[in-house]
Amino acid sequence: MKATLLSLPECQGIGNTETEAIEALDQILQARLVKARIVTLEIEALKTENLWIQKILG
């Protein structure tokens, strides 16, 4: 049996039963989370003119 995390298809747990496959996947995810970190990014919004407002204000 194989258990796959849909959002991370490269993460797969394999076992003889569904329960073993899910437990194997859980172990893989736990190992990945130990290395995880949160990063904050600031993304500047594009400055575009709103054409609808231009038409109204004319």
Protein backbone atom coordinates (compact mmCIF):
# COMPACT_ATOMS: atom_id res chain seq x y z
CA MET A 1 0.00 0.00 0.00
CA LYS A 2 1.06 3.58 -0.58
CA ALA A 3 -0.05 6.77 1.19
CA THR A 4 0.59 10.08 -0.56
CA LEU A 5 0.14 13.63 0.67
CA LEU A 6 -1.77 15.36 -2.13
CA SER A 7 -0.09 18.76 -1.71
CA LEU A 8 3.37 17.12 -1.61
CA PRO A 9 3.22 14.18 -4.03
CA GLU A 10 6.91 13.41 -3.47
CA CYS A 11 6.04 12.49 0.15
CA GLN A 12 4.91 8.89 0.10
CA GLY A 13 4.66 6.29 2.82
CA ILE A 14 4.77 2.63 1.85
CA GLY A 15 3.62 -0.29 3.98
CA ASN A 16 2.00 -3.71 3.84
CA THR A 17 -1.29 -2.28 5.08
CA GLU A 18 -3.06 1.06 4.83
CA THR A 19 -2.24 1.78 8.47
CA GLU A 20 1.47 1.03 7.95
CA ALA A 21 1.58 3.26 4.87
CA ILE A 22 -0.08 6.14 6.76
CA GLU A 23 2.31 5.67 9.70
CA ALA A 24 5.29 5.70 7.33
CA LEU A 25 3.98 8.90 5.72
CA ASP A 26 3.52 10.44 9.17
CA GLN A 27 7.16 9.69 10.01
CA ILE A 28 8.33 11.29 6.76
CA LEU A 29 6.27 14.42 7.44
CA GLN A 30 7.53 14.65 11.03
CA ALA A 31 11.12 14.50 9.76
CA ARG A 32 10.41 17.30 7.26
CA LEU A 33 8.75 19.47 9.90
CA VAL A 34 11.81 19.25 12.16
CA LYS A 35 13.78 21.04 9.43
CA ALA A 36 10.99 23.50 8.53
CA ARG A 37 11.14 27.21 9.21
CA ILE A 38 8.82 30.14 8.63
CA VAL A 39 10.08 32.94 6.40
CA THR A 40 8.36 36.31 5.94
CA LEU A 41 8.56 37.98 2.55
CA GLU A 42 7.49 41.52 1.76
CA ILE A 43 6.15 41.87 -1.77
CA GLU A 44 5.49 45.34 -3.09
CA ALA A 45 2.18 45.69 -4.90
CA LEU A 46 2.32 46.82 -8.51
CA LYS A 47 1.24 50.41 -8.98
CA THR A 48 -1.26 50.31 -11.79
CA GLU A 49 -3.93 52.76 -12.76
CA ASN A 50 -7.52 51.64 -12.53
CA LEU A 51 -9.00 52.19 -16.00
CA TRP A 52 -12.57 52.10 -14.66
CA ILE A 53 -11.89 55.01 -12.32
CA GLN A 54 -10.24 56.94 -15.15
CA LYS A 55 -13.38 56.49 -17.31
CA ILE A 56 -15.67 57.68 -14.50
CA LEU A 57 -13.54 60.70 -13.61
CA GLY A 58 -12.93 61.30 -17.27
